[in-house]
Amino acid sequence: MGSIRYIPRVAKATRAKRRLDDIVEPRFVRIGARRTALRLEPVFWAALEEIADERGQAIDELLRDIVPPPPPRNLTSRVRVAILAQYWSANDNPRLA
């Protein structure tokens, strides 16, 4: 009879975190006087850079416009939603109405 291999939850969580680390890219940004790490997928970093370039702003300046003071608990989600809203509004997407 074969033995059943037990994989502790910690090991599974560690593997999942490693996969997540391969997907997201952390960068330090400054929002007002606060310096924080923001972890986004490369496609969101590219979109954020594109939006900032279109507005003639640095990413830190754009984030200051996007993020209301005080910064929300889930800053990353707020930034992703702002990027999506920007692209939807640029394409006159009716979902924003």
Foldseek 3Di string as FASTA:
>chain_A
DDDDDDDDPVNVVVVVVVVVPVFWDWDWEDQPNDIDIAIDGPVLVVLLVVVCVVVVHDSNVVLNVQADPPGDPCNNVSSVVVSVVVVCVVVVNPVVD
